[in-house]
């Protein structure tokens, strides 16, 4: 009897291993190995003509606290935080509206409209915003024809343009987890709150908002993390005037040819991302224990 159980256990393990082997191979070859190479590079020195020299040093990590680079890091965190807050303010009402629709067809249509931008390349969508925001673009043309302004507004190559592009690009990442979180809530809970004397606002604060905190946290992480490493939007819509971490990494690898320093910055960003994911996992565990 023990022998048959042991054979069945091995057979199941082999079957599971066979199923996950393609994903495991892809993860090792295209993620872990390049990550290890970057990790080694981050402790090396820049070569005379680029590349790396195999001299161990911690200067690459010390350079991050240089005021020039530290300003870029702080600015990147500020932009990522601001974009996350704006996406939350816009995304929560949209997710709530979609989830409270009674018609399943309307819900599916609205969700489809949310994910529709993903069908177009992100670079193409960013270029479309350049056309809209430029001096002779659609926005300035409409304002001039309506008589609201006498001369074109300076919209392109500004911080405002960067924020607009980031919110447009990452808003779906906030709406979708919020929608999934709100969709799971039993509507009778809100009805019970109203029956107990709570108005709509108080019922939302006491019932809806606490129950959707996991969705809020997930949406904030999904928006904050890619915004922190964004480089296309700041480069095209901001005119590379205010550099972010992603632009700094790109410059170190492609222009300055300082691969060790670029690798060290990449690892610092990765550590921050991992820390946020650990916090989210622990937060999710606490939520499950609370239930």
C-alpha atoms as a PDB file:
ATOM      1  CA  UNK A   1       0.000   0.000   0.000  1.00  0.00           C
ATOM      2  CA  UNK A   2       2.789   2.417   0.904  1.00  0.00           C
ATOM      3  CA  UNK A   3       4.622   1.503  -2.292  1.00  0.00           C
ATOM      4  CA  UNK A   4       1.613   2.382  -4.502  1.00  0.00           C
ATOM      5  CA  UNK A   5       1.125   5.710  -2.749  1.00  0.00           C
ATOM      6  CA  UNK A   6       4.825   6.472  -3.233  1.00  0.00           C
ATOM      7  CA  UNK A   7       4.602   5.671  -6.961  1.00  0.00           C
ATOM      8  CA  UNK A   8       1.501   7.851  -7.376  1.00  0.00           C
ATOM      9  CA  UNK A   9       3.212  10.739  -5.596  1.00  0.00           C
ATOM     10  CA  UNK A  10       6.210  10.530  -7.948  1.00  0.00           C
ATOM     11  CA  UNK A  11       3.980  10.314 -11.020  1.00  0.00           C
ATOM     12  CA  UNK A  12       2.075  13.447 -10.005  1.00  0.00           C
ATOM     13  CA  UNK A  13       5.318  15.277  -9.336  1.00  0.00           C
ATOM     14  CA  UNK A  14       6.682  14.350 -12.764  1.00  0.00           C
ATOM     15  CA  UNK A  15       3.482  15.451 -14.449  1.00  0.00           C
ATOM     16  CA  UNK A  16       3.530  18.803 -12.625  1.00  0.00           C
ATOM     17  CA  UNK A  17       7.222  19.261 -13.394  1.00  0.00           C
ATOM     18  CA  UNK A  18       6.607  18.554 -17.077  1.00  0.00           C
ATOM     19  CA  UNK A  19       3.803  21.142 -17.194  1.00  0.00           C
ATOM     20  CA  UNK A  20       5.818  23.921 -15.573  1.00  0.00           C
ATOM     21  CA  UNK A  21       9.119  23.155 -17.329  1.00  0.00           C
ATOM     22  CA  UNK A  22       8.567  25.565 -20.297  1.00  0.00           C
ATOM     23  CA  UNK A  23       7.772  28.445 -17.942  1.00  0.00           C
ATOM     24  CA  UNK A  24      10.685  27.511 -15.687  1.00  0.00           C
ATOM     25  CA  UNK A  25      13.073  27.367 -18.665  1.00  0.00           C
ATOM     26  CA  UNK A  26      11.888  30.749 -19.927  1.00  0.00           C
ATOM     27  CA  UNK A  27      12.236  32.269 -16.458  1.00  0.00           C
ATOM     28  CA  UNK A  28      15.767  30.970 -15.969  1.00  0.00           C
ATOM     29  CA  UNK A  29      17.128  31.805 -19.441  1.00  0.00           C
ATOM     30  CA  UNK A  30      15.477  35.161 -20.057  1.00  0.00           C
ATOM     31  CA  UNK A  31      15.147  36.523 -16.503  1.00  0.00           C
ATOM     32  CA  UNK A  32      17.387  34.937 -13.880  1.00  0.00           C
ATOM     33  CA  UNK A  33      20.549  34.656 -15.998  1.00  0.00           C
ATOM     34  CA  UNK A  34      20.368  38.278 -17.303  1.00  0.00           C
ATOM     35  CA  UNK A  35      19.590  39.383 -13.744  1.00  0.00           C
ATOM     36  CA  UNK A  36      22.697  37.621 -12.452  1.00  0.00           C
ATOM     37  CA  UNK A  37      24.778  39.264 -15.185  1.00  0.00           C
ATOM     38  CA  UNK A  38      23.465  42.701 -14.184  1.00  0.00           C
ATOM     39  CA  UNK A  39      24.180  41.924 -10.543  1.00  0.00           C
ATOM     40  CA  UNK A  40      27.811  41.086 -11.341  1.00  0.00           C
ATOM     41  CA  UNK A  41      28.153  44.148 -13.577  1.00  0.00           C
ATOM     42  CA  UNK A  42      26.903  46.426 -10.786  1.00  0.00           C
ATOM     43  CA  UNK A  43      30.070  45.667  -8.783  1.00  0.00           C
ATOM     44  CA  UNK A  44      32.449  46.215 -11.700  1.00  0.00           C
ATOM     45  CA  UNK A  45      34.048  49.349 -13.114  1.00  0.00           C
ATOM     46  CA  UNK A  46      33.403  51.075 -16.405  1.00  0.00           C
ATOM     47  CA  UNK A  47      35.869  50.304 -19.160  1.00  0.00           C
ATOM     48  CA  UNK A  48      37.774  53.006 -20.962  1.00  0.00           C
ATOM     49  CA  UNK A  49      35.703  52.589 -24.116  1.00  0.00           C
ATOM     50  CA  UNK A  50      32.574  51.324 -22.379  1.00  0.00           C
ATOM     51  CA  UNK A  51      31.700  47.859 -21.206  1.00  0.00           C
ATOM     52  CA  UNK A  52      33.091  46.640 -17.883  1.00  0.00           C
ATOM     53  CA  UNK A  53      36.404  45.915 -16.245  1.00  0.00           C
ATOM     54  CA  UNK A  54      36.503  43.145 -13.660  1.00  0.00           C
ATOM     55  CA  UNK A  55      37.524  45.242 -10.661  1.00  0.00           C
ATOM     56  CA  UNK A  56      35.289  44.849  -7.616  1.00  0.00           C
ATOM     57  CA  UNK A  57      33.936  48.162  -6.258  1.00  0.00           C
ATOM     58  CA  UNK A  58      30.951  49.621  -4.409  1.00  0.00           C
ATOM     59  CA  UNK A  59      31.310  53.051  -6.013  1.00  0.00           C
ATOM     60  CA  UNK A  60      28.385  52.421  -8.355  1.00  0.00           C
ATOM     61  CA  UNK A  61      26.006  52.143  -5.403  1.00  0.00           C
ATOM     62  CA  UNK A  62      27.630  55.075  -3.608  1.00  0.00           C
ATOM     63  CA  UNK A  63      27.139  57.278  -6.675  1.00  0.00           C
ATOM     64  CA  UNK A  64      23.372  56.933  -6.371  1.00  0.00           C
ATOM     65  CA  UNK A  65      23.416  59.271  -3.342  1.00  0.00           C
ATOM     66  CA  UNK A  66      25.205  61.890  -5.423  1.00  0.00           C
ATOM     67  CA  UNK A  67      22.973  65.019  -5.329  1.00  0.00           C
ATOM     68  CA  UNK A  68      22.623  64.977  -9.123  1.00  0.00           C
ATOM     69  CA  UNK A  69      21.329  61.397  -9.241  1.00  0.00           C
ATOM     70  CA  UNK A  70      19.505  61.613  -5.908  1.00  0.00           C
ATOM     71  CA  UNK A  71      17.434  64.475  -7.300  1.00  0.00           C
ATOM     72  CA  UNK A  72      16.390  62.258 -10.218  1.00  0.00           C
ATOM     73  CA  UNK A  73      15.432  59.442  -7.827  1.00  0.00           C
ATOM     74  CA  UNK A  74      13.363  61.771  -5.627  1.00  0.00           C
ATOM     75  CA  UNK A  75      11.693  63.335  -8.668  1.00  0.00           C
ATOM     76  CA  UNK A  76      10.836  59.879 -10.033  1.00  0.00           C
ATOM     77  CA  UNK A  77       9.237  58.875  -6.740  1.00  0.00           C
ATOM     78  CA  UNK A  78       7.251  62.100  -6.662  1.00  0.00           C
ATOM     79  CA  UNK A  79       5.949  61.647 -10.222  1.00  0.00           C
ATOM     80  CA  UNK A  80       5.109  57.989  -9.535  1.00  0.00           C
ATOM     81  CA  UNK A  81       3.256  58.934  -6.339  1.00  0.00           C
ATOM     82  CA  UNK A  82       1.377  61.771  -8.058  1.00  0.00           C
ATOM     83  CA  UNK A  83       0.379  59.567 -10.973  1.00  0.00           C
ATOM     84  CA  UNK A  84      -0.806  56.845  -8.577  1.00  0.00           C
ATOM     85  CA  UNK A  85      -2.969  59.285  -6.618  1.00  0.00           C
ATOM     86  CA  UNK A  86      -4.531  60.766  -9.768  1.00  0.00           C
ATOM     87  CA  UNK A  87      -5.220  57.302 -11.192  1.00  0.00           C
ATOM     88  CA  UNK A  88      -6.846  56.288  -7.893  1.00  0.00           C
ATOM     89  CA  UNK A  89      -9.039  59.401  -7.810  1.00  0.00           C
ATOM     90  CA  UNK A  90     -10.164  58.841 -11.399  1.00  0.00           C
ATOM     91  CA  UNK A  91     -10.146  55.047 -11.406  1.00  0.00           C
ATOM     92  CA  UNK A  92     -12.161  54.319  -8.272  1.00  0.00           C
ATOM     93  CA  UNK A  93     -15.372  56.074  -9.418  1.00  0.00           C
ATOM     94  CA  UNK A  94     -15.015  54.479 -12.854  1.00  0.00           C
ATOM     95  CA  UNK A  95     -14.537  51.001 -11.383  1.00  0.00           C
ATOM     96  CA  UNK A  96     -17.454  51.535  -9.004  1.00  0.00           C
ATOM     97  CA  UNK A  97     -19.696  52.707 -11.835  1.00  0.00           C
ATOM     98  CA  UNK A  98     -18.820  49.702 -14.003  1.00  0.00           C
ATOM     99  CA  UNK A  99     -19.300  47.159 -11.219  1.00  0.00           C
ATOM    100  CA  UNK A 100     -22.687  48.545 -10.155  1.00  0.00           C
ATOM    101  CA  UNK A 101     -24.247  48.261 -13.612  1.00  0.00           C
ATOM    102  CA  UNK A 102     -27.007  45.653 -13.671  1.00  0.00           C
ATOM    103  CA  UNK A 103     -26.650  44.811 -17.348  1.00  0.00           C
ATOM    104  CA  UNK A 104     -23.932  42.216 -17.940  1.00  0.00           C
ATOM    105  CA  UNK A 105     -23.600  43.357 -21.554  1.00  0.00           C
ATOM    106  CA  UNK A 106     -22.986  46.952 -20.453  1.00  0.00           C
ATOM    107  CA  UNK A 107     -20.409  45.797 -17.907  1.00  0.00           C
ATOM    108  CA  UNK A 108     -18.527  43.787 -20.506  1.00  0.00           C
ATOM    109  CA  UNK A 109     -18.628  46.688 -22.951  1.00  0.00           C
ATOM    110  CA  UNK A 110     -17.236  49.132 -20.391  1.00  0.00           C
ATOM    111  CA  UNK A 111     -14.478  46.715 -19.344  1.00  0.00           C
ATOM    112  CA  UNK A 112     -13.634  46.230 -23.017  1.00  0.00           C
ATOM    113  CA  UNK A 113     -13.316  49.994 -23.444  1.00  0.00           C
ATOM    114  CA  UNK A 114     -10.947  50.105 -20.477  1.00  0.00           C
ATOM    115  CA  UNK A 115      -8.606  47.483 -21.953  1.00  0.00           C
ATOM    116  CA  UNK A 116      -9.017  48.686 -25.542  1.00  0.00           C
ATOM    117  CA  UNK A 117      -5.903  50.954 -25.445  1.00  0.00           C
ATOM    118  CA  UNK A 118      -3.766  47.850 -24.805  1.00  0.00           C
ATOM    119  CA  UNK A 119      -4.515  46.764 -28.365  1.00  0.00           C
ATOM    120  CA  UNK A 120      -2.307  49.619 -29.618  1.00  0.00           C
ATOM    121  CA  UNK A 121       1.419  49.921 -29.028  1.00  0.00           C
ATOM    122  CA  UNK A 122       2.290  52.178 -26.074  1.00  0.00           C
ATOM    123  CA  UNK A 123       4.793  54.137 -28.169  1.00  0.00           C
ATOM    124  CA  UNK A 124       2.163  54.869 -30.810  1.00  0.00           C
ATOM    125  CA  UNK A 125      -0.268  56.071 -28.139  1.00  0.00           C
ATOM    126  CA  UNK A 126       2.401  58.367 -26.713  1.00  0.00           C
ATOM    127  CA  UNK A 127       3.063  59.851 -30.138  1.00  0.00           C
ATOM    128  CA  UNK A 128      -0.665  60.489 -30.511  1.00  0.00           C
ATOM    129  CA  UNK A 129      -0.558  62.608 -27.357  1.00  0.00           C
ATOM    130  CA  UNK A 130       2.292  64.608 -28.886  1.00  0.00           C
ATOM    131  CA  UNK A 131       0.012  65.400 -31.823  1.00  0.00           C
ATOM    132  CA  UNK A 132      -2.811  66.407 -29.486  1.00  0.00           C
ATOM    133  CA  UNK A 133      -0.683  68.596 -27.194  1.00  0.00           C
ATOM    134  CA  UNK A 134       1.553  70.412 -29.655  1.00  0.00           C
ATOM    135  CA  UNK A 135       1.031  74.102 -30.469  1.00  0.00           C
ATOM    136  CA  UNK A 136      -0.892  73.306 -33.645  1.00  0.00           C
ATOM    137  CA  UNK A 137      -2.559  70.247 -32.124  1.00  0.00           C
ATOM    138  CA  UNK A 138      -6.228  69.471 -31.639  1.00  0.00           C
ATOM    139  CA  UNK A 139      -6.495  70.912 -28.114  1.00  0.00           C
ATOM    140  CA  UNK A 140      -4.965  74.301 -28.937  1.00  0.00           C
ATOM    141  CA  UNK A 141      -6.876  74.482 -32.221  1.00  0.00           C
ATOM    142  CA  UNK A 142     -10.213  73.920 -30.475  1.00  0.00           C
ATOM    143  CA  UNK A 143      -9.425  76.473 -27.762  1.00  0.00           C
ATOM    144  CA  UNK A 144      -8.323  79.057 -30.335  1.00  0.00           C
ATOM    145  CA  UNK A 145     -11.409  78.527 -32.510  1.00  0.00           C
ATOM    146  CA  UNK A 146     -13.682  78.777 -29.459  1.00  0.00           C
ATOM    147  CA  UNK A 147     -12.070  82.055 -28.448  1.00  0.00           C
ATOM    148  CA  UNK A 148     -10.906  80.869 -25.015  1.00  0.00           C
ATOM    149  CA  UNK A 149      -7.252  81.707 -25.740  1.00  0.00           C
ATOM    150  CA  UNK A 150      -5.493  84.190 -28.022  1.00  0.00           C
ATOM    151  CA  UNK A 151      -2.298  82.186 -28.540  1.00  0.00           C
ATOM    152  CA  UNK A 152      -1.457  78.485 -28.263  1.00  0.00           C
ATOM    153  CA  UNK A 153      -0.827  77.123 -24.796  1.00  0.00           C
ATOM    154  CA  UNK A 154       2.513  75.533 -24.026  1.00  0.00           C
ATOM    155  CA  UNK A 155       1.308  71.993 -23.331  1.00  0.00           C
ATOM    156  CA  UNK A 156       3.911  69.755 -24.929  1.00  0.00           C
ATOM    157  CA  UNK A 157       7.329  69.238 -23.295  1.00  0.00           C
ATOM    158  CA  UNK A 158       6.038  70.134 -19.836  1.00  0.00           C
ATOM    159  CA  UNK A 159       5.504  68.267 -16.561  1.00  0.00           C
ATOM    160  CA  UNK A 160       1.767  68.516 -17.159  1.00  0.00           C
ATOM    161  CA  UNK A 161       2.151  66.647 -20.450  1.00  0.00           C
ATOM    162  CA  UNK A 162       4.162  63.934 -18.683  1.00  0.00           C
ATOM    163  CA  UNK A 163       1.475  63.493 -16.024  1.00  0.00           C
ATOM    164  CA  UNK A 164      -1.268  63.379 -18.679  1.00  0.00           C
ATOM    165  CA  UNK A 165       0.605  60.712 -20.617  1.00  0.00           C
ATOM    166  CA  UNK A 166       1.329  58.623 -17.506  1.00  0.00           C
ATOM    167  CA  UNK A 167      -2.262  58.792 -16.257  1.00  0.00           C
ATOM    168  CA  UNK A 168      -3.552  57.815 -19.687  1.00  0.00           C
ATOM    169  CA  UNK A 169      -1.081  54.956 -19.954  1.00  0.00           C
ATOM    170  CA  UNK A 170      -1.522  53.406 -16.502  1.00  0.00           C
ATOM    171  CA  UNK A 171      -5.125  54.224 -15.581  1.00  0.00           C
ATOM    172  CA  UNK A 172      -6.387  50.774 -16.726  1.00  0.00           C
ATOM    173  CA  UNK A 173      -3.964  49.144 -14.265  1.00  0.00           C
ATOM    174  CA  UNK A 174      -5.853  50.926 -11.486  1.00  0.00           C
ATOM    175  CA  UNK A 175      -9.371  50.377 -12.792  1.00  0.00           C
ATOM    176  CA  UNK A 176      -9.157  46.621 -13.402  1.00  0.00           C
ATOM    177  CA  UNK A 177      -8.089  45.467  -9.879  1.00  0.00           C
ATOM    178  CA  UNK A 178     -10.531  47.923  -8.323  1.00  0.00           C
ATOM    179  CA  UNK A 179     -13.315  46.589 -10.525  1.00  0.00           C
ATOM    180  CA  UNK A 180     -12.461  43.008  -9.550  1.00  0.00           C
ATOM    181  CA  UNK A 181     -12.441  43.959  -5.860  1.00  0.00           C
ATOM    182  CA  UNK A 182     -15.728  45.859  -5.964  1.00  0.00           C
ATOM    183  CA  UNK A 183     -17.391  43.157  -8.047  1.00  0.00           C
ATOM    184  CA  UNK A 184     -16.843  40.605  -5.254  1.00  0.00           C
ATOM    185  CA  UNK A 185     -18.713  42.652  -2.650  1.00  0.00           C
ATOM    186  CA  UNK A 186     -22.247  41.535  -1.847  1.00  0.00           C
ATOM    187  CA  UNK A 187     -24.651  44.449  -2.641  1.00  0.00           C
ATOM    188  CA  UNK A 188     -26.764  43.445   0.357  1.00  0.00           C
ATOM    189  CA  UNK A 189     -24.022  44.812   2.635  1.00  0.00           C
ATOM    190  CA  UNK A 190     -24.630  48.331   1.353  1.00  0.00           C
ATOM    191  CA  UNK A 191     -28.378  47.807   1.661  1.00  0.00           C
ATOM    192  CA  UNK A 192     -27.924  46.685   5.271  1.00  0.00           C
ATOM    193  CA  UNK A 193     -25.909  49.827   5.998  1.00  0.00           C
ATOM    194  CA  UNK A 194     -28.723  51.970   4.611  1.00  0.00           C
ATOM    195  CA  UNK A 195     -31.277  50.030   6.664  1.00  0.00           C
ATOM    196  CA  UNK A 196     -29.232  50.774   9.788  1.00  0.00           C
ATOM    197  CA  UNK A 197     -29.456  54.508   9.145  1.00  0.00           C
ATOM    198  CA  UNK A 198     -26.280  55.250   7.204  1.00  0.00           C
ATOM    199  CA  UNK A 199     -26.475  57.622   4.273  1.00  0.00           C
ATOM    200  CA  UNK A 200     -24.766  56.805   0.975  1.00  0.00           C
ATOM    201  CA  UNK A 201     -21.497  58.544   1.861  1.00  0.00           C
ATOM    202  CA  UNK A 202     -21.226  56.962   5.300  1.00  0.00           C
ATOM    203  CA  UNK A 203     -22.120  53.523   3.928  1.00  0.00           C
ATOM    204  CA  UNK A 204     -19.364  53.930   1.381  1.00  0.00           C
ATOM    205  CA  UNK A 205     -16.786  54.907   4.026  1.00  0.00           C
ATOM    206  CA  UNK A 206     -17.774  52.222   6.525  1.00  0.00           C
ATOM    207  CA  UNK A 207     -18.565  49.312   4.200  1.00  0.00           C
ATOM    208  CA  UNK A 208     -17.382  49.710   0.607  1.00  0.00           C
ATOM    209  CA  UNK A 209     -14.034  51.414   1.137  1.00  0.00           C
ATOM    210  CA  UNK A 210     -12.644  49.012   3.795  1.00  0.00           C
ATOM    211  CA  UNK A 211     -13.661  45.969   1.758  1.00  0.00           C
ATOM    212  CA  UNK A 212     -11.940  47.287  -1.374  1.00  0.00           C
ATOM    213  CA  UNK A 213      -8.627  48.143   0.312  1.00  0.00           C
ATOM    214  CA  UNK A 214      -6.894  45.051  -1.205  1.00  0.00           C
ATOM    215  CA  UNK A 215      -7.947  46.232  -4.674  1.00  0.00           C
ATOM    216  CA  UNK A 216      -6.724  49.748  -3.898  1.00  0.00           C
ATOM    217  CA  UNK A 217      -3.343  48.440  -2.754  1.00  0.00           C
ATOM    218  CA  UNK A 218      -3.016  46.180  -5.807  1.00  0.00           C
ATOM    219  CA  UNK A 219      -3.962  49.005  -8.173  1.00  0.00           C
ATOM    220  CA  UNK A 220      -1.531  51.426  -6.516  1.00  0.00           C
ATOM    221  CA  UNK A 221       1.342  48.948  -6.821  1.00  0.00           C
ATOM    222  CA  UNK A 222       0.484  48.152 -10.455  1.00  0.00           C
ATOM    223  CA  UNK A 223       0.559  51.880 -11.277  1.00  0.00           C
ATOM    224  CA  UNK A 224       3.410  53.024  -9.026  1.00  0.00           C
ATOM    225  CA  UNK A 225       5.957  50.374 -10.050  1.00  0.00           C
ATOM    226  CA  UNK A 226       5.867  50.846 -13.869  1.00  0.00           C
ATOM    227  CA  UNK A 227       5.598  54.631 -13.476  1.00  0.00           C
ATOM    228  CA  UNK A 228       8.777  54.610 -11.412  1.00  0.00           C
ATOM    229  CA  UNK A 229      10.662  53.023 -14.316  1.00  0.00           C
ATOM    230  CA  UNK A 230       8.919  54.917 -17.128  1.00  0.00           C
ATOM    231  CA  UNK A 231      11.173  56.464 -19.748  1.00  0.00           C
ATOM    232  CA  UNK A 232       9.194  56.725 -23.008  1.00  0.00           C
ATOM    233  CA  UNK A 233       6.586  59.171 -21.689  1.00  0.00           C
ATOM    234  CA  UNK A 234       9.029  61.548 -19.915  1.00  0.00           C
ATOM    235  CA  UNK A 235      11.319  61.450 -22.929  1.00  0.00           C
ATOM    236  CA  UNK A 236       8.699  62.170 -25.599  1.00  0.00           C
ATOM    237  CA  UNK A 237       6.090  64.283 -23.781  1.00  0.00           C
ATOM    238  CA  UNK A 238       8.509  65.959 -21.382  1.00  0.00           C
ATOM    239  CA  UNK A 239      11.214  66.578 -23.934  1.00  0.00           C
ATOM    240  CA  UNK A 240      13.736  64.900 -21.596  1.00  0.00           C
ATOM    241  CA  UNK A 241      13.818  68.112 -19.541  1.00  0.00           C
ATOM    242  CA  UNK A 242      13.125  66.347 -16.252  1.00  0.00           C
ATOM    243  CA  UNK A 243      14.824  62.968 -16.248  1.00  0.00           C
ATOM    244  CA  UNK A 244      13.359  60.000 -14.384  1.00  0.00           C
ATOM    245  CA  UNK A 245      15.020  56.778 -13.228  1.00  0.00           C
ATOM    246  CA  UNK A 246      14.122  54.953 -16.438  1.00  0.00           C
ATOM    247  CA  UNK A 247      15.708  57.704 -18.545  1.00  0.00           C
ATOM    248  CA  UNK A 248      18.807  57.634 -16.338  1.00  0.00           C
ATOM    249  CA  UNK A 249      19.213  53.872 -16.782  1.00  0.00           C
ATOM    250  CA  UNK A 250      18.697  54.163 -20.523  1.00  0.00           C
ATOM    251  CA  UNK A 251      21.290  56.939 -20.743  1.00  0.00           C
ATOM    252  CA  UNK A 252      23.857  54.949 -18.746  1.00  0.00           C
ATOM    253  CA  UNK A 253      23.536  51.901 -20.997  1.00  0.00           C
ATOM    254  CA  UNK A 254      23.082  53.477 -24.425  1.00  0.00           C
ATOM    255  CA  UNK A 255      24.804  56.878 -24.281  1.00  0.00           C
ATOM    256  CA  UNK A 256      27.303  57.010 -21.426  1.00  0.00           C
ATOM    257  CA  UNK A 257      28.198  53.330 -21.879  1.00  0.00           C
ATOM    258  CA  UNK A 258      28.457  53.058 -18.090  1.00  0.00           C
ATOM    259  CA  UNK A 259      26.965  49.595 -17.734  1.00  0.00           C
ATOM    260  CA  UNK A 260      28.059  49.069 -14.091  1.00  0.00           C
ATOM    261  CA  UNK A 261      26.343  52.227 -12.865  1.00  0.00           C
ATOM    262  CA  UNK A 262      23.247  51.510 -14.943  1.00  0.00           C
ATOM    263  CA  UNK A 263      23.149  48.002 -13.476  1.00  0.00           C
ATOM    264  CA  UNK A 264      23.386  49.324  -9.925  1.00  0.00           C
ATOM    265  CA  UNK A 265      20.486  51.737 -10.487  1.00  0.00           C
ATOM    266  CA  UNK A 266      18.446  48.908 -12.013  1.00  0.00           C
ATOM    267  CA  UNK A 267      19.041  46.757  -8.955  1.00  0.00           C
ATOM    268  CA  UNK A 268      18.048  49.550  -6.593  1.00  0.00           C
ATOM    269  CA  UNK A 269      14.755  49.943  -8.481  1.00  0.00           C
ATOM    270  CA  UNK A 270      14.251  46.168  -8.399  1.00  0.00           C
ATOM    271  CA  UNK A 271      14.815  46.085  -4.628  1.00  0.00           C
ATOM    272  CA  UNK A 272      12.207  48.818  -4.199  1.00  0.00           C
ATOM    273  CA  UNK A 273       9.754  46.863  -6.349  1.00  0.00           C
ATOM    274  CA  UNK A 274      10.370  43.665  -4.393  1.00  0.00           C
ATOM    275  CA  UNK A 275       9.861  45.530  -1.115  1.00  0.00           C
ATOM    276  CA  UNK A 276       6.494  46.813  -2.354  1.00  0.00           C
ATOM    277  CA  UNK A 277       5.473  43.321  -3.437  1.00  0.00           C
ATOM    278  CA  UNK A 278       6.462  41.870  -0.040  1.00  0.00           C
ATOM    279  CA  UNK A 279       4.386  44.537   1.685  1.00  0.00           C
ATOM    280  CA  UNK A 280       1.435  43.714  -0.551  1.00  0.00           C
ATOM    281  CA  UNK A 281       1.768  39.987   0.149  1.00  0.00           C
ATOM    282  CA  UNK A 282       1.957  40.572   3.900  1.00  0.00           C
ATOM    283  CA  UNK A 283      -0.959  42.971   3.671  1.00  0.00           C
ATOM    284  CA  UNK A 284      -2.976  40.361   1.786  1.00  0.00           C
ATOM    285  CA  UNK A 285      -2.159  37.767   4.449  1.00  0.00           C
ATOM    286  CA  UNK A 286      -3.367  40.122   7.161  1.00  0.00           C
ATOM    287  CA  UNK A 287      -6.569  40.714   5.238  1.00  0.00           C
ATOM    288  CA  UNK A 288      -7.179  36.979   4.975  1.00  0.00           C
ATOM    289  CA  UNK A 289      -6.519  36.521   8.709  1.00  0.00           C
ATOM    290  CA  UNK A 290      -8.913  39.367   9.486  1.00  0.00           C
ATOM    291  CA  UNK A 291     -11.632  37.623   7.546  1.00  0.00           C
END
